[in-house]
Amino acid sequence: MDMEREIYPKSNCLALTVRKEHRLVCINRAARKTIRVSWKTLLYALFLTIANIFV
């Protein structure tokens, strides 16, 4: 137990929590951006397909 306290002192617990939250926020933003871009790509592909039918 004493070794664990030396490696991870209590003062760093907050820093570890903040780092973890920051990583989760970054992952969440990347996932949202990916979904948004995918939907836009699908809509553009659908629009171009419909436009090519009538042209």
PDB file of N, CA and C in Angstrom:
ATOM      1  N   MET A   1       0.813  -1.201   0.000  1.00  0.00           N
ATOM      2  CA  MET A   1       0.000   0.000   0.000  1.00  0.00           C
ATOM      3  C   MET A   1       0.853   1.260   0.000  1.00  0.00           C
ATOM      4  N   ASP A   2       1.973   1.234   0.714  1.00  0.00           N
ATOM      5  CA  ASP A   2       2.817   2.416   0.779  1.00  0.00           C
ATOM      6  C   ASP A   2       3.407   2.757  -0.583  1.00  0.00           C
ATOM      7  N   MET A   3       3.706   1.738  -1.380  1.00  0.00           N
ATOM      8  CA  MET A   3       4.244   2.006  -2.714  1.00  0.00           C
ATOM      9  C   MET A   3       3.212   2.708  -3.579  1.00  0.00           C
ATOM     10  N   GLU A   4       1.949   2.285  -3.474  1.00  0.00           N
ATOM     11  CA  GLU A   4       0.897   2.905  -4.278  1.00  0.00           C
ATOM     12  C   GLU A   4       0.743   4.379  -3.929  1.00  0.00           C
ATOM     13  N   ARG A   5       0.892   4.715  -2.667  1.00  0.00           N
ATOM     14  CA  ARG A   5       0.767   6.114  -2.249  1.00  0.00           C
ATOM     15  C   ARG A   5       1.915   6.942  -2.791  1.00  0.00           C
ATOM     16  N   GLU A   6       3.081   6.336  -2.910  1.00  0.00           N
ATOM     17  CA  GLU A   6       4.222   7.069  -3.450  1.00  0.00           C
ATOM     18  C   GLU A   6       4.060   7.289  -4.950  1.00  0.00           C
ATOM     19  N   ILE A   7       3.520   6.301  -5.640  1.00  0.00           N
ATOM     20  CA  ILE A   7       3.358   6.421  -7.087  1.00  0.00           C
ATOM     21  C   ILE A   7       2.210   7.371  -7.425  1.00  0.00           C
ATOM     22  N   TYR A   8       1.096   7.234  -6.736  1.00  0.00           N
ATOM     23  CA  TYR A   8      -0.081   8.053  -6.998  1.00  0.00           C
ATOM     24  C   TYR A   8      -0.471   8.812  -5.730  1.00  0.00           C
ATOM     25  N   PRO A   9       0.192   9.928  -5.453  1.00  0.00           N
ATOM     26  CA  PRO A   9      -0.198  10.699  -4.271  1.00  0.00           C
ATOM     27  C   PRO A   9      -1.601  11.286  -4.449  1.00  0.00           C
ATOM     28  N   LYS A  10      -2.227  11.606  -3.337  1.00  0.00           N
ATOM     29  CA  LYS A  10      -3.604  12.100  -3.398  1.00  0.00           C
ATOM     30  C   LYS A  10      -3.722  13.399  -4.184  1.00  0.00           C
ATOM     31  N   SER A  11      -2.670  14.196  -4.207  1.00  0.00           N
ATOM     32  CA  SER A  11      -2.737  15.457  -4.949  1.00  0.00           C
ATOM     33  C   SER A  11      -2.897  15.227  -6.447  1.00  0.00           C
ATOM     34  N   ASN A  12      -2.479  14.068  -6.951  1.00  0.00           N
ATOM     35  CA  ASN A  12      -2.590  13.781  -8.378  1.00  0.00           C
ATOM     36  C   ASN A  12      -3.922  13.147  -8.744  1.00  0.00           C
ATOM     37  N   CYS A  13      -4.729  12.770  -7.767  1.00  0.00           N
ATOM     38  CA  CYS A  13      -6.009  12.136  -8.075  1.00  0.00           C
ATOM     39  C   CYS A  13      -6.900  13.073  -8.880  1.00  0.00           C
ATOM     40  N   LEU A  14      -6.912  14.339  -8.509  1.00  0.00           N
ATOM     41  CA  LEU A  14      -7.714  15.312  -9.244  1.00  0.00           C
ATOM     42  C   LEU A  14      -7.204  15.463 -10.670  1.00  0.00           C
ATOM     43  N   ALA A  15      -5.892  15.500 -10.816  1.00  0.00           N
ATOM     44  CA  ALA A  15      -5.304  15.614 -12.154  1.00  0.00           C
ATOM     45  C   ALA A  15      -5.664  14.402 -13.005  1.00  0.00           C
ATOM     46  N   LEU A  16      -5.647  13.221 -12.419  1.00  0.00           N
ATOM     47  CA  LEU A  16      -6.006  12.016 -13.169  1.00  0.00           C
ATOM     48  C   LEU A  16      -7.477  12.046 -13.564  1.00  0.00           C
ATOM     49  N   THR A  17      -8.319  12.539 -12.658  1.00  0.00           N
ATOM     50  CA  THR A  17      -9.748  12.635 -12.967  1.00  0.00           C
ATOM     51  C   THR A  17      -9.989  13.635 -14.089  1.00  0.00           C
ATOM     52  N   VAL A  18      -9.325  14.778 -14.026  1.00  0.00           N
ATOM     53  CA  VAL A  18      -9.477  15.797 -15.065  1.00  0.00           C
ATOM     54  C   VAL A  18      -8.995  15.269 -16.401  1.00  0.00           C
ATOM     55  N   ARG A  19      -7.867  14.551 -16.391  1.00  0.00           N
ATOM     56  CA  ARG A  19      -7.344  13.994 -17.640  1.00  0.00           C
ATOM     57  C   ARG A  19      -8.318  12.981 -18.224  1.00  0.00           C
ATOM     58  N   LYS A  20      -8.902  12.152 -17.364  1.00  0.00           N
ATOM     59  CA  LYS A  20      -9.867  11.160 -17.827  1.00  0.00           C
ATOM     60  C   LYS A  20     -11.090  11.850 -18.434  1.00  0.00           C
ATOM     61  N   GLU A  21     -11.594  12.894 -17.759  1.00  0.00           N
ATOM     62  CA  GLU A  21     -12.750  13.627 -18.271  1.00  0.00           C
ATOM     63  C   GLU A  21     -12.416  14.291 -19.606  1.00  0.00           C
ATOM     64  N   HIS A  22     -11.218  14.837 -19.717  1.00  0.00           N
ATOM     65  CA  HIS A  22     -10.815  15.487 -20.969  1.00  0.00           C
ATOM     66  C   HIS A  22     -10.793  14.479 -22.104  1.00  0.00           C
ATOM     67  N   ARG A  23     -10.269  13.289 -21.828  1.00  0.00           N
ATOM     68  CA  ARG A  23     -10.244  12.244 -22.860  1.00  0.00           C
ATOM     69  C   ARG A  23     -11.659  11.853 -23.277  1.00  0.00           C
ATOM     70  N   LEU A  24     -12.563  11.729 -22.306  1.00  0.00           N
ATOM     71  CA  LEU A  24     -13.943  11.379 -22.628  1.00  0.00           C
ATOM     72  C   LEU A  24     -14.605  12.461 -23.466  1.00  0.00           C
ATOM     73  N   VAL A  25     -14.326  13.720 -23.148  1.00  0.00           N
ATOM     74  CA  VAL A  25     -14.888  14.832 -23.923  1.00  0.00           C
ATOM     75  C   VAL A  25     -14.357  14.793 -25.354  1.00  0.00           C
ATOM     76  N   CYS A  26     -13.066  14.542 -25.503  1.00  0.00           N
ATOM     77  CA  CYS A  26     -12.475  14.468 -26.851  1.00  0.00           C
ATOM     78  C   CYS A  26     -13.070  13.322 -27.658  1.00  0.00           C
ATOM     79  N   ILE A  27     -13.233  12.178 -27.017  1.00  0.00           N
ATOM     80  CA  ILE A  27     -13.824  11.021 -27.704  1.00  0.00           C
ATOM     81  C   ILE A  27     -15.261  11.313 -28.087  1.00  0.00           C
ATOM     82  N   ASN A  28     -15.998  11.947 -27.187  1.00  0.00           N
ATOM     83  CA  ASN A  28     -17.395  12.284 -27.461  1.00  0.00           C
ATOM     84  C   ASN A  28     -17.497  13.255 -28.635  1.00  0.00           C
ATOM     85  N   ARG A  29     -16.641  14.274 -28.663  1.00  0.00           N
ATOM     86  CA  ARG A  29     -16.652  15.233 -29.774  1.00  0.00           C
ATOM     87  C   ARG A  29     -16.311  14.551 -31.094  1.00  0.00           C
ATOM     88  N   ALA A  30     -15.321  13.678 -31.074  1.00  0.00           N
ATOM     89  CA  ALA A  30     -14.925  12.974 -32.296  1.00  0.00           C
ATOM     90  C   ALA A  30     -16.049  12.081 -32.794  1.00  0.00           C
ATOM     91  N   ALA A  31     -16.732  11.410 -31.883  1.00  0.00           N
ATOM     92  CA  ALA A  31     -17.842  10.541 -32.285  1.00  0.00           C
ATOM     93  C   ALA A  31     -18.978  11.362 -32.880  1.00  0.00           C
ATOM     94  N   ARG A  32     -19.314  12.479 -32.244  1.00  0.00           N
ATOM     95  CA  ARG A  32     -20.385  13.337 -32.777  1.00  0.00           C
ATOM     96  C   ARG A  32     -20.030  13.881 -34.150  1.00  0.00           C
ATOM     97  N   LYS A  33     -18.785  14.319 -34.314  1.00  0.00           N
ATOM     98  CA  LYS A  33     -18.343  14.853 -35.597  1.00  0.00           C
ATOM     99  C   LYS A  33     -18.406  13.769 -36.671  1.00  0.00           C
ATOM    100  N   THR A  34     -17.988  12.558 -36.331  1.00  0.00           N
ATOM    101  CA  THR A  34     -18.016  11.454 -37.286  1.00  0.00           C
ATOM    102  C   THR A  34     -19.443  11.145 -37.710  1.00  0.00           C
ATOM    103  N   ILE A  35     -20.350  11.107 -36.763  1.00  0.00           N
ATOM    104  CA  ILE A  35     -21.758  10.835 -37.081  1.00  0.00           C
ATOM    105  C   ILE A  35     -22.324  11.942 -37.952  1.00  0.00           C
ATOM    106  N   ARG A  36     -22.011  13.195 -37.607  1.00  0.00           N
ATOM    107  CA  ARG A  36     -22.520  14.325 -38.387  1.00  0.00           C
ATOM    108  C   ARG A  36     -22.016  14.277 -39.828  1.00  0.00           C
ATOM    109  N   VAL A  37     -20.733  14.006 -40.002  1.00  0.00           N
ATOM    110  CA  VAL A  37     -20.155  13.938 -41.344  1.00  0.00           C
ATOM    111  C   VAL A  37     -20.750  12.760 -42.113  1.00  0.00           C
ATOM    112  N   SER A  38     -20.974  11.643 -41.437  1.00  0.00           N
ATOM    113  CA  SER A  38     -21.563  10.482 -42.099  1.00  0.00           C
ATOM    114  C   SER A  38     -22.968  10.784 -42.597  1.00  0.00           C
ATOM    115  N   TRP A  39     -23.782  11.453 -41.762  1.00  0.00           N
ATOM    116  CA  TRP A  39     -25.128  11.812 -42.188  1.00  0.00           C
ATOM    117  C   TRP A  39     -25.101  12.767 -43.372  1.00  0.00           C
ATOM    118  N   LYS A  40     -24.222  13.744 -43.347  1.00  0.00           N
ATOM    119  CA  LYS A  40     -24.121  14.683 -44.463  1.00  0.00           C
ATOM    120  C   LYS A  40     -23.713  13.951 -45.736  1.00  0.00           C
ATOM    121  N   THR A  41     -22.762  13.039 -45.608  1.00  0.00           N
ATOM    122  CA  THR A  41     -22.314  12.278 -46.776  1.00  0.00           C
ATOM    123  C   THR A  41     -23.449  11.443 -47.348  1.00  0.00           C
ATOM    124  N   LEU A  42     -24.217  10.804 -46.475  1.00  0.00           N
ATOM    125  CA  LEU A  42     -25.360  10.017 -46.944  1.00  0.00           C
ATOM    126  C   LEU A  42     -26.398  10.889 -47.644  1.00  0.00           C
ATOM    127  N   LEU A  43     -26.680  12.042 -47.066  1.00  0.00           N
ATOM    128  CA  LEU A  43     -27.672  12.926 -47.689  1.00  0.00           C
ATOM    129  C   LEU A  43     -27.195  13.445 -49.042  1.00  0.00           C
ATOM    130  N   TYR A  44     -25.914  13.830 -49.148  1.00  0.00           N
ATOM    131  CA  TYR A  44     -25.383  14.284 -50.430  1.00  0.00           C
ATOM    132  C   TYR A  44     -25.407  13.166 -51.467  1.00  0.00           C
ATOM    133  N   ALA A  45     -25.060  11.956 -51.055  1.00  0.00           N
ATOM    134  CA  ALA A  45     -25.082  10.826 -51.987  1.00  0.00           C
ATOM    135  C   ALA A  45     -26.508  10.556 -52.454  1.00  0.00           C
ATOM    136  N   LEU A  46     -27.458  10.622 -51.551  1.00  0.00           N
ATOM    137  CA  LEU A  46     -28.860  10.427 -51.918  1.00  0.00           C
ATOM    138  C   LEU A  46     -29.329  11.522 -52.865  1.00  0.00           C
ATOM    139  N   PHE A  47     -28.987  12.751 -52.572  1.00  0.00           N
ATOM    140  CA  PHE A  47     -29.369  13.866 -53.432  1.00  0.00           C
ATOM    141  C   PHE A  47     -28.773  13.716 -54.828  1.00  0.00           C
ATOM    142  N   LEU A  48     -27.491  13.359 -54.899  1.00  0.00           N
ATOM    143  CA  LEU A  48     -26.860  13.201 -56.209  1.00  0.00           C
ATOM    144  C   LEU A  48     -27.448  12.027 -56.987  1.00  0.00           C
ATOM    145  N   THR A  49     -27.811  10.969 -56.293  1.00  0.00           N
ATOM    146  CA  THR A  49     -28.444   9.831 -56.958  1.00  0.00           C
ATOM    147  C   THR A  49     -29.785  10.240 -57.543  1.00  0.00           C
ATOM    148  N   ILE A  50     -30.570  10.947 -56.768  1.00  0.00           N
ATOM    149  CA  ILE A  50     -31.884  11.409 -57.260  1.00  0.00           C
ATOM    150  C   ILE A  50     -31.698  12.405 -58.401  1.00  0.00           C
ATOM    151  N   ALA A  51     -30.724  13.290 -58.294  1.00  0.00           N
ATOM    152  CA  ALA A  51     -30.467  14.268 -59.367  1.00  0.00           C
ATOM    153  C   ALA A  51     -30.041  13.548 -60.649  1.00  0.00           C
ATOM    154  N   ASN A  52     -29.246  12.495 -60.541  1.00  0.00           N
ATOM    155  CA  ASN A  52     -28.804  11.774 -61.742  1.00  0.00           C
ATOM    156  C   ASN A  52     -29.948  11.011 -62.406  1.00  0.00           C
ATOM    157  N   ILE A  53     -30.946  10.633 -61.640  1.00  0.00           N
ATOM    158  CA  ILE A  53     -32.106   9.937 -62.225  1.00  0.00           C
ATOM    159  C   ILE A  53     -32.853  10.870 -63.186  1.00  0.00           C
ATOM    160  N   PHE A  54     -32.998  12.133 -62.780  1.00  0.00           N
ATOM    161  CA  PHE A  54     -33.787  13.080 -63.579  1.00  0.00           C
ATOM    162  C   PHE A  54     -32.962  13.801 -64.631  1.00  0.00           C
ATOM    163  N   VAL A  55     -31.662  13.682 -64.611  1.00  0.00           N
ATOM    164  CA  VAL A  55     -30.843  14.413 -65.586  1.00  0.00           C
ATOM    165  C   VAL A  55     -30.540  13.573 -66.769  1.00  0.00           C
TER     166      VAL A  55
END
